Amino acid sequence: MYQDTIAAISTPLGEGKIGIVRLSGRDALAIAEKLFPRRLSNLSGRIDLAQAESVLDVVRAKTAASLRVAVQGLGGRLSESLKGVRSELMCLLACLTARMLP
């Protein structure tokens, strides 16, 4: 069998939310770790949906202002601002649920 390590772009042409590069072969993991040294471990389970959607917003940004907002979203600004609202809504839901119980 072949011993080469190969890389192939698997994403179709056009704009999309996911970009896939397939690595195959004996040295594939070592290459991936060199390309994305901390990103693989740092992003694993550590970004929420709003931050993930901000990645596409960064790519689509056409002005400096829209890029700035997208980068702030990527940093979790929207998620942080919504934590208080979520907490209040959860308290309200708990109160309403308690009042409905016999």
N, C-alpha and C. Protein backbone atom coordinates (compact mmCIF):
# COMPACT_ATOMS: atom_id res chain seq x y z
N MET A 1 0.84 -1.18 0.00
CA MET A 1 0.00 0.00 0.00
C MET A 1 0.88 1.24 0.00
N TYR A 2 0.24 2.36 -0.31
CA TYR A 2 0.95 3.63 -0.32
C TYR A 2 1.24 4.09 1.09
N GLN A 3 2.35 4.76 1.28
CA GLN A 3 2.73 5.29 2.59
C GLN A 3 2.63 6.81 2.66
N ASP A 4 2.16 7.43 1.59
CA ASP A 4 2.11 8.89 1.53
C ASP A 4 1.03 9.44 2.46
N THR A 5 1.26 10.65 2.95
CA THR A 5 0.25 11.39 3.68
C THR A 5 -0.32 12.39 2.68
N ILE A 6 -1.65 12.44 2.57
CA ILE A 6 -2.28 13.32 1.59
C ILE A 6 -3.29 14.24 2.26
N ALA A 7 -3.55 15.37 1.63
CA ALA A 7 -4.58 16.30 2.08
C ALA A 7 -5.47 16.60 0.88
N ALA A 8 -6.77 16.66 1.13
CA ALA A 8 -7.72 16.94 0.05
C ALA A 8 -8.82 17.85 0.56
N ILE A 9 -9.13 18.90 -0.18
CA ILE A 9 -10.23 19.79 0.18
C ILE A 9 -11.53 19.09 -0.17
N SER A 10 -12.41 18.95 0.83
CA SER A 10 -13.67 18.23 0.63
C SER A 10 -14.88 19.15 0.61
N THR A 11 -14.67 20.43 0.74
CA THR A 11 -15.77 21.38 0.77
C THR A 11 -16.14 21.79 -0.65
N PRO A 12 -17.42 21.79 -0.98
CA PRO A 12 -17.81 22.24 -2.33
C PRO A 12 -17.53 23.73 -2.51
N LEU A 13 -17.42 24.15 -3.73
CA LEU A 13 -17.20 25.56 -4.03
C LEU A 13 -18.38 26.39 -3.55
N GLY A 14 -18.12 27.62 -3.18
CA GLY A 14 -19.17 28.52 -2.73
C GLY A 14 -19.05 28.80 -1.25
N GLU A 15 -19.98 29.57 -0.76
CA GLU A 15 -19.97 29.98 0.63
C GLU A 15 -20.68 28.95 1.48
N GLY A 16 -20.13 28.65 2.61
CA GLY A 16 -20.74 27.69 3.51
C GLY A 16 -20.23 27.88 4.92
N LYS A 17 -20.85 27.20 5.87
CA LYS A 17 -20.46 27.34 7.26
C LYS A 17 -19.34 26.39 7.64
N ILE A 18 -19.11 25.37 6.85
CA ILE A 18 -18.11 24.38 7.23
C ILE A 18 -17.09 24.24 6.10
N GLY A 19 -15.84 24.23 6.49
CA GLY A 19 -14.76 23.96 5.54
C GLY A 19 -14.06 22.68 5.97
N ILE A 20 -13.93 21.74 5.07
CA ILE A 20 -13.35 20.45 5.43
C ILE A 20 -12.12 20.18 4.59
N VAL A 21 -11.05 19.86 5.26
CA VAL A 21 -9.84 19.38 4.62
C VAL A 21 -9.57 18.01 5.21
N ARG A 22 -9.55 17.01 4.36
CA ARG A 22 -9.30 15.65 4.84
C ARG A 22 -7.81 15.34 4.77
N LEU A 23 -7.31 14.82 5.86
CA LEU A 23 -5.92 14.37 5.93
C LEU A 23 -5.93 12.87 6.08
N SER A 24 -5.05 12.23 5.39
CA SER A 24 -5.00 10.78 5.44
C SER A 24 -3.54 10.32 5.38
N GLY A 25 -3.26 9.30 6.10
CA GLY A 25 -1.91 8.74 6.05
C GLY A 25 -1.25 8.70 7.42
N ARG A 26 -0.06 8.18 7.42
CA ARG A 26 0.68 7.94 8.65
C ARG A 26 0.95 9.22 9.45
N ASP A 27 1.21 10.34 8.78
CA ASP A 27 1.58 11.58 9.47
C ASP A 27 0.42 12.57 9.58
N ALA A 28 -0.80 12.14 9.33
CA ALA A 28 -1.95 13.05 9.30
C ALA A 28 -2.16 13.76 10.64
N LEU A 29 -2.11 13.03 11.74
CA LEU A 29 -2.34 13.63 13.04
C LEU A 29 -1.24 14.64 13.39
N ALA A 30 -0.01 14.29 13.10
CA ALA A 30 1.10 15.21 13.38
C ALA A 30 0.96 16.50 12.58
N ILE A 31 0.51 16.40 11.33
CA ILE A 31 0.31 17.59 10.50
C ILE A 31 -0.83 18.43 11.07
N ALA A 32 -1.93 17.80 11.46
CA ALA A 32 -3.07 18.53 12.02
C ALA A 32 -2.67 19.26 13.30
N GLU A 33 -1.89 18.62 14.13
CA GLU A 33 -1.45 19.26 15.38
C GLU A 33 -0.52 20.44 15.11
N LYS A 34 0.26 20.37 14.04
CA LYS A 34 1.13 21.49 13.69
C LYS A 34 0.32 22.65 13.11
N LEU A 35 -0.70 22.34 12.32
CA LEU A 35 -1.52 23.38 11.72
C LEU A 35 -2.42 24.07 12.74
N PHE A 36 -2.96 23.30 13.67
CA PHE A 36 -3.91 23.83 14.66
C PHE A 36 -3.46 23.44 16.06
N PRO A 37 -2.34 23.94 16.54
CA PRO A 37 -1.77 23.46 17.79
C PRO A 37 -2.68 23.59 19.00
N ARG A 38 -3.20 24.77 19.26
CA ARG A 38 -4.05 24.94 20.43
C ARG A 38 -5.51 25.01 20.06
N ARG A 39 -5.80 25.31 18.84
CA ARG A 39 -7.19 25.51 18.44
C ARG A 39 -8.03 24.26 18.65
N LEU A 40 -7.48 23.11 18.37
CA LEU A 40 -8.26 21.88 18.50
C LEU A 40 -8.70 21.68 19.94
N SER A 41 -7.81 21.86 20.89
CA SER A 41 -8.17 21.65 22.28
C SER A 41 -8.95 22.82 22.85
N ASN A 42 -8.64 24.05 22.43
CA ASN A 42 -9.32 25.21 22.98
C ASN A 42 -10.77 25.31 22.53
N LEU A 43 -11.08 24.93 21.32
CA LEU A 43 -12.44 25.07 20.82
C LEU A 43 -13.34 23.90 21.17
N SER A 44 -12.76 22.78 21.51
CA SER A 44 -13.54 21.59 21.78
C SER A 44 -14.49 21.80 22.97
N GLY A 45 -15.76 22.00 22.68
CA GLY A 45 -16.75 22.17 23.72
C GLY A 45 -16.71 23.51 24.43
N ARG A 46 -15.99 24.49 23.89
CA ARG A 46 -15.83 25.74 24.60
C ARG A 46 -16.45 26.94 23.89
N ILE A 47 -17.09 26.74 22.77
CA ILE A 47 -17.80 27.86 22.14
C ILE A 47 -19.26 27.49 22.03
N ASP A 48 -20.10 28.50 22.16
CA ASP A 48 -21.54 28.25 22.06
C ASP A 48 -22.01 28.54 20.64
N LEU A 49 -23.29 28.39 20.43
CA LEU A 49 -23.85 28.55 19.08
C LEU A 49 -23.65 29.96 18.55
N ALA A 50 -23.84 30.97 19.39
CA ALA A 50 -23.68 32.35 18.93
C ALA A 50 -22.24 32.60 18.48
N GLN A 51 -21.27 32.05 19.20
CA GLN A 51 -19.87 32.21 18.82
C GLN A 51 -19.57 31.46 17.53
N ALA A 52 -20.13 30.27 17.39
CA ALA A 52 -19.91 29.49 16.17
C ALA A 52 -20.47 30.21 14.96
N GLU A 53 -21.64 30.82 15.11
CA GLU A 53 -22.23 31.57 13.99
C GLU A 53 -21.43 32.83 13.68
N SER A 54 -20.72 33.36 14.66
CA SER A 54 -19.90 34.54 14.45
C SER A 54 -18.72 34.26 13.52
N VAL A 55 -18.31 33.00 13.45
CA VAL A 55 -17.22 32.65 12.53
C VAL A 55 -17.63 32.99 11.10
N LEU A 56 -18.84 32.62 10.72
CA LEU A 56 -19.34 32.93 9.38
C LEU A 56 -19.53 34.44 9.21
N ASP A 57 -19.96 35.11 10.28
CA ASP A 57 -20.11 36.56 10.21
C ASP A 57 -18.78 37.25 9.94
N VAL A 58 -17.70 36.72 10.50
CA VAL A 58 -16.37 37.27 10.24
C VAL A 58 -16.03 37.10 8.77
N VAL A 59 -16.32 35.93 8.23
CA VAL A 59 -16.01 35.66 6.82
C VAL A 59 -16.83 36.56 5.90
N ARG A 60 -18.09 36.80 6.24
CA ARG A 60 -18.98 37.58 5.38
C ARG A 60 -18.88 39.10 5.58
N ALA A 61 -18.15 39.54 6.59
CA ALA A 61 -18.09 40.97 6.90
C ALA A 61 -17.59 41.76 5.70
N LYS A 62 -18.32 42.82 5.37
CA LYS A 62 -17.97 43.64 4.22
C LYS A 62 -17.43 45.01 4.63
N THR A 63 -17.68 45.40 5.88
CA THR A 63 -17.20 46.69 6.36
C THR A 63 -16.41 46.49 7.66
N ALA A 64 -15.67 47.51 8.03
CA ALA A 64 -14.90 47.44 9.28
C ALA A 64 -15.84 47.31 10.48
N ALA A 65 -16.98 48.00 10.41
CA ALA A 65 -17.95 47.93 11.51
C ALA A 65 -18.55 46.54 11.66
N SER A 66 -18.93 45.92 10.54
CA SER A 66 -19.50 44.58 10.63
C SER A 66 -18.46 43.56 11.07
N LEU A 67 -17.22 43.75 10.68
CA LEU A 67 -16.15 42.87 11.15
C LEU A 67 -15.94 43.02 12.64
N ARG A 68 -15.98 44.24 13.13
CA ARG A 68 -15.80 44.50 14.57
C ARG A 68 -16.90 43.80 15.38
N VAL A 69 -18.14 43.92 14.93
CA VAL A 69 -19.26 43.27 15.63
C VAL A 69 -19.11 41.75 15.58
N ALA A 70 -18.71 41.22 14.44
CA ALA A 70 -18.53 39.77 14.31
C ALA A 70 -17.43 39.26 15.23
N VAL A 71 -16.34 39.99 15.32
CA VAL A 71 -15.24 39.58 16.20
C VAL A 71 -15.67 39.64 17.66
N GLN A 72 -16.48 40.63 18.01
CA GLN A 72 -17.00 40.70 19.37
C GLN A 72 -17.89 39.50 19.67
N GLY A 73 -18.70 39.10 18.68
CA GLY A 73 -19.53 37.91 18.85
C GLY A 73 -18.70 36.66 19.01
N LEU A 74 -17.63 36.60 18.27
CA LEU A 74 -16.72 35.45 18.36
C LEU A 74 -16.10 35.36 19.74
N GLY A 75 -15.86 36.52 20.34
CA GLY A 75 -15.29 36.56 21.68
C GLY A 75 -16.30 36.29 22.78
N GLY A 76 -17.57 36.15 22.42
CA GLY A 76 -18.59 35.80 23.41
C GLY A 76 -19.35 36.98 23.97
N ARG A 77 -19.25 38.14 23.34
CA ARG A 77 -19.92 39.34 23.86
C ARG A 77 -21.44 39.15 23.92
N LEU A 78 -22.04 38.65 22.86
CA LEU A 78 -23.49 38.44 22.86
C LEU A 78 -23.88 37.42 23.92
N SER A 79 -23.15 36.34 24.00
CA SER A 79 -23.45 35.28 24.98
C SER A 79 -23.37 35.81 26.40
N GLU A 80 -22.37 36.63 26.69
CA GLU A 80 -22.22 37.20 28.02
C GLU A 80 -23.39 38.11 28.36
N SER A 81 -23.80 38.93 27.39
CA SER A 81 -24.89 39.87 27.66
C SER A 81 -26.22 39.14 27.85
N LEU A 82 -26.35 37.95 27.29
CA LEU A 82 -27.60 37.20 27.42
C LEU A 82 -27.65 36.32 28.67
N LYS A 83 -26.54 36.13 29.34
CA LYS A 83 -26.53 35.28 30.54
C LYS A 83 -27.48 35.79 31.61
N GLY A 84 -27.48 37.11 31.83
CA GLY A 84 -28.36 37.69 32.84
C GLY A 84 -29.82 37.51 32.47
N VAL A 85 -30.14 37.73 31.21
CA VAL A 85 -31.51 37.57 30.73
C VAL A 85 -31.95 36.12 30.90
N ARG A 86 -31.06 35.19 30.53
CA ARG A 86 -31.39 33.77 30.66
C ARG A 86 -31.64 33.40 32.12
N SER A 87 -30.80 33.91 33.00
CA SER A 87 -30.95 33.63 34.42
C SER A 87 -32.30 34.13 34.94
N GLU A 88 -32.67 35.34 34.57
CA GLU A 88 -33.96 35.90 34.99
C GLU A 88 -35.13 35.08 34.43
N LEU A 89 -35.02 34.66 33.16
CA LEU A 89 -36.08 33.86 32.57
C LEU A 89 -36.22 32.50 33.27
N MET A 90 -35.09 31.92 33.64
CA MET A 90 -35.14 30.62 34.35
C MET A 90 -35.81 30.78 35.72
N CYS A 91 -35.52 31.89 36.41
CA CYS A 91 -36.17 32.15 37.70
C CYS A 91 -37.67 32.33 37.52
N LEU A 92 -38.05 33.08 36.49
CA LEU A 92 -39.46 33.30 36.20
C LEU A 92 -40.15 31.97 35.88
N LEU A 93 -39.51 31.14 35.08
CA LEU A 93 -40.07 29.83 34.74
C LEU A 93 -40.24 28.97 36.00
N ALA A 94 -39.27 29.01 36.88
CA ALA A 94 -39.37 28.24 38.13
C ALA A 94 -40.53 28.73 38.98
N CYS A 95 -40.72 30.05 39.06
CA CYS A 95 -41.83 30.60 39.84
C CYS A 95 -43.17 30.21 39.24
N LEU A 96 -43.28 30.33 37.92
CA LEU A 96 -44.54 29.95 37.25
C LEU A 96 -44.83 28.47 37.41
N THR A 97 -43.81 27.66 37.29
CA THR A 97 -44.00 26.21 37.45
C THR A 97 -44.45 25.89 38.87
N ALA A 98 -43.85 26.54 39.85
CA ALA A 98 -44.22 26.30 41.25
C ALA A 98 -45.66 26.69 41.51
N ARG A 99 -46.15 27.77 40.89
CA ARG A 99 -47.52 28.20 41.10
C ARG A 99 -48.53 27.26 40.44
N MET A 100 -48.11 26.57 39.39
CA MET A 100 -49.01 25.65 38.68
C MET A 100 -49.18 24.33 39.43
N LEU A 101 -48.20 23.99 40.26
CA LEU A 101 -48.28 22.72 40.97
C LEU A 101 -49.37 22.77 42.02
N PRO A 102 -50.11 21.65 42.20
CA PRO A 102 -51.20 21.63 43.19
C PRO A 102 -50.68 21.62 44.61
